[in-house]
Amino acid sequence: MSWTEEKVAKLKELWGKGNTASEIANIIGGISRNAVIGKAHRLNLSAKIKTRTATSNQDFESSIENKKIKSRKGRRNKFRSLIIEKNFEPENPKQLEELDENSCKWPIGHPDEKDFYFCGRSSLKDFSYCKLHLLYAYQPKGKKEDSSDKEEVPEFIEKKIRSA
C-alpha cells in the first residue's frame, strides 16, 4: 500500500477535523489504523486537540486522585481512633485448637515453649488481631522505621498489659 497525494490530502483533512485513526482508515479504505497513525506522525500533524475522550480521561484521573486522598484519610482516622481508646478487654489465653474467627491470633511466647498461647481477646472486624495487638501490627505506609531500633511501648499500653 502506498500513500498517494489524494490519500495524504484526505488524511490531513480528516485529521484536522478530529476524526480518529480508525475512522480515517475506514474512510480512505485499504489502510490500517496503525498506517494512519504512522503517516500522521511522519507528516508532523498536530496531536489531537481536546476531544471528548481526552476530557473524560482528565476527569477520570482527577476522580482517582480524589479517591486515593479520601482512602488515605479514612485509614489514618481508623487507627487514630484505636489509639485514643485506652480500655482493652482482659486477655483470654487460648491454644491453637481453641481459636475461632473472632479471637485475636496474636502469639504470646515462643511456639517451642510449654506456656505458649494466643491472646484470645475479641478481634476487630476484618482483622486477625484485637485493638491492642493491631496497634503493634499496623505500620503506616511510608513510615518505615529502621529494624534495628527497638519499638517503645506507650506507657498506658504497658500498664494495660501488666494489669491484664
Protein backbone atom coordinates (compact mmCIF):
# COMPACT_ATOMS: atom_id res chain seq x y z
CA MET A 1 0.00 0.00 0.00
CA SER A 2 1.45 3.35 -0.95
CA TRP A 3 0.32 6.78 0.07
CA THR A 4 -0.87 8.79 -2.91
CA GLU A 5 -1.26 12.56 -2.94
CA GLU A 6 -5.07 12.20 -2.72
CA LYS A 7 -4.85 9.87 0.30
CA VAL A 8 -2.39 12.19 2.09
CA ALA A 9 -4.67 15.20 1.41
CA LYS A 10 -7.69 13.26 2.71
CA LEU A 11 -5.70 12.19 5.79
CA LYS A 12 -4.74 15.81 6.56
CA GLU A 13 -8.34 16.97 6.11
CA LEU A 14 -9.88 14.25 8.26
CA TRP A 15 -7.15 14.53 10.90
CA GLY A 16 -7.76 18.27 11.16
CA LYS A 17 -11.49 17.66 11.69
CA GLY A 18 -10.69 15.47 14.71
CA ASN A 19 -11.56 12.06 13.27
CA THR A 20 -9.98 9.04 14.94
CA ALA A 21 -7.31 6.99 13.17
CA SER A 22 -9.76 4.09 12.83
CA GLU A 23 -12.38 6.32 11.23
CA ILE A 24 -9.82 7.76 8.81
CA ALA A 25 -8.63 4.25 7.86
CA ASN A 26 -12.23 3.20 7.12
CA ILE A 27 -12.98 6.34 5.07
CA ILE A 28 -9.81 6.15 2.97
CA GLY A 29 -10.01 2.36 2.70
CA GLY A 30 -7.28 -0.19 2.13
CA ILE A 31 -5.13 1.02 5.03
CA SER A 32 -4.89 0.14 8.70
CA ARG A 33 -5.33 2.33 11.74
CA ASN A 34 -1.60 1.97 12.51
CA ALA A 35 -0.70 3.10 8.98
CA VAL A 36 -2.77 6.26 9.54
CA ILE A 37 -1.08 6.94 12.88
CA GLY A 38 2.38 6.35 11.40
CA LYS A 39 1.76 8.64 8.42
CA ALA A 40 0.29 11.37 10.64
CA HIS A 41 3.38 11.14 12.82
CA ARG A 42 5.73 11.35 9.82
CA LEU A 43 3.78 14.35 8.50
CA ASN A 44 4.12 16.00 11.92
CA LEU A 45 0.38 16.51 12.16
CA SER A 46 -0.53 18.08 15.47
CA ALA A 47 -1.71 15.86 18.29
CA LYS A 48 -5.43 15.68 18.73
CA ILE A 49 -6.77 18.78 20.41
CA LYS A 50 -9.01 18.11 23.41
CA THR A 51 -11.53 15.61 22.23
CA ARG A 52 -14.34 14.16 24.30
CA THR A 53 -12.23 11.16 25.36
CA ALA A 54 -9.31 13.33 26.44
CA THR A 55 -11.56 15.46 28.62
CA SER A 56 -13.20 12.43 30.18
CA ASN A 57 -9.76 10.90 30.84
CA GLN A 58 -8.75 14.03 32.76
CA ASP A 59 -11.94 13.84 34.81
CA PHE A 60 -11.30 10.14 35.42
CA GLU A 61 -7.72 10.75 36.58
CA SER A 62 -8.77 13.55 38.92
CA SER A 63 -11.53 11.37 40.41
CA ILE A 64 -8.99 8.58 41.02
CA GLU A 65 -6.71 11.07 42.78
CA ASN A 66 -9.58 12.26 44.98
CA LYS A 67 -10.44 8.67 45.92
CA LYS A 68 -6.83 7.98 46.88
CA ILE A 69 -6.76 11.02 49.18
CA LYS A 70 -10.06 10.01 50.82
CA SER A 71 -8.91 6.42 51.38
CA ARG A 72 -5.65 7.61 52.98
CA LYS A 73 -7.53 9.87 55.37
CA GLY A 74 -10.00 7.13 56.23
CA ARG A 75 -7.27 4.61 57.05
CA ARG A 76 -5.39 7.04 59.29
CA ASN A 77 -8.52 8.00 61.19
CA LYS A 78 -9.48 4.37 61.71
CA PHE A 79 -6.23 3.62 63.56
CA ARG A 80 -6.09 7.00 65.31
CA SER A 81 -9.41 6.17 66.99
CA LEU A 82 -7.88 2.93 68.31
CA ILE A 83 -5.01 4.80 69.91
CA ILE A 84 -7.36 7.21 71.69
CA GLU A 85 -9.36 4.34 73.20
CA LYS A 86 -7.32 3.06 76.13
CA ASN A 87 -9.67 0.44 77.62
CA PHE A 88 -8.71 -3.01 76.39
CA GLU A 89 -10.55 -6.15 77.46
CA PRO A 90 -8.56 -8.66 79.52
CA GLU A 91 -6.51 -11.29 77.76
CA ASN A 92 -8.20 -14.65 77.20
CA PRO A 93 -5.37 -17.20 76.65
CA LYS A 94 -6.27 -19.82 74.02
CA GLN A 95 -4.50 -22.73 72.40
CA LEU A 96 -4.39 -23.08 68.62
CA GLU A 97 -7.30 -25.53 68.57
CA GLU A 98 -9.49 -23.14 70.57
CA LEU A 99 -9.15 -20.15 68.21
CA ASP A 100 -12.16 -19.09 66.16
CA GLU A 101 -12.91 -16.29 63.67
CA ASN A 102 -13.49 -13.73 66.44
CA SER A 103 -10.36 -14.50 68.50
CA CYS A 104 -7.19 -12.43 68.47
CA LYS A 105 -4.50 -14.59 66.90
CA TRP A 106 -1.51 -12.71 68.35
CA PRO A 107 1.04 -15.30 69.58
CA ILE A 108 2.38 -14.90 73.12
CA GLY A 109 5.72 -16.54 73.79
CA HIS A 110 7.59 -18.96 71.56
CA PRO A 111 5.88 -21.98 69.94
CA ASP A 112 8.53 -24.33 71.39
CA GLU A 113 7.78 -23.20 74.96
CA LYS A 114 5.35 -25.05 77.19
CA ASP A 115 3.34 -21.95 78.13
CA PHE A 116 2.84 -20.69 74.52
CA TYR A 117 -0.67 -19.39 73.77
CA PHE A 118 -2.62 -16.88 71.67
CA CYS A 119 -4.11 -13.63 73.01
CA GLY A 120 -7.76 -14.69 72.57
CA ARG A 121 -9.36 -11.26 73.01
CA SER A 122 -12.15 -10.30 70.61
CA SER A 123 -10.65 -9.37 67.25
CA LEU A 124 -11.81 -6.36 65.28
CA LYS A 125 -13.94 -6.82 62.19
CA ASP A 126 -11.83 -7.57 59.09
CA PHE A 127 -8.66 -8.05 61.22
CA SER A 128 -7.00 -11.02 62.90
CA TYR A 129 -5.97 -9.07 65.99
CA CYS A 130 -7.56 -7.28 68.94
CA LYS A 131 -7.28 -3.50 69.36
CA LEU A 132 -4.06 -3.70 71.38
CA HIS A 133 -2.20 -6.04 69.05
CA LEU A 134 -3.45 -4.20 65.97
CA LEU A 135 -1.52 -1.19 67.28
CA TYR A 136 1.63 -3.33 67.31
CA ALA A 137 0.99 -4.92 63.92
CA TYR A 138 -0.02 -1.78 62.00
CA GLN A 139 2.73 0.27 60.39
CA PRO A 140 1.62 3.31 58.38
CA LYS A 141 2.66 3.42 54.73
CA GLY A 142 5.78 5.46 54.05
CA LYS A 143 6.93 5.50 57.67
CA LYS A 144 9.31 2.56 57.68
CA GLU A 145 11.47 2.51 60.74
CA ASP A 146 14.95 1.09 60.99
CA SER A 147 14.65 -2.57 62.00
CA SER A 148 17.50 -2.19 64.50
CA ASP A 149 15.51 0.39 66.52
CA LYS A 150 13.60 -1.15 69.42
CA GLU A 151 9.99 -0.02 69.47
CA GLU A 152 8.94 1.70 72.64
CA VAL A 153 5.57 0.70 74.01
CA PRO A 154 3.44 3.64 75.18
CA GLU A 155 3.13 3.72 78.97
CA PHE A 156 -0.66 3.35 79.00
CA ILE A 157 -0.41 0.18 76.89
CA GLU A 158 2.34 -1.20 79.13
CA LYS A 159 0.07 -0.69 82.18
CA LYS A 160 -2.80 -2.46 80.44
CA ILE A 161 -0.57 -5.39 79.56
CA ARG A 162 0.62 -5.73 83.16
CA SER A 163 -2.91 -5.49 84.58
CA ALA A 164 -4.40 -7.99 82.11
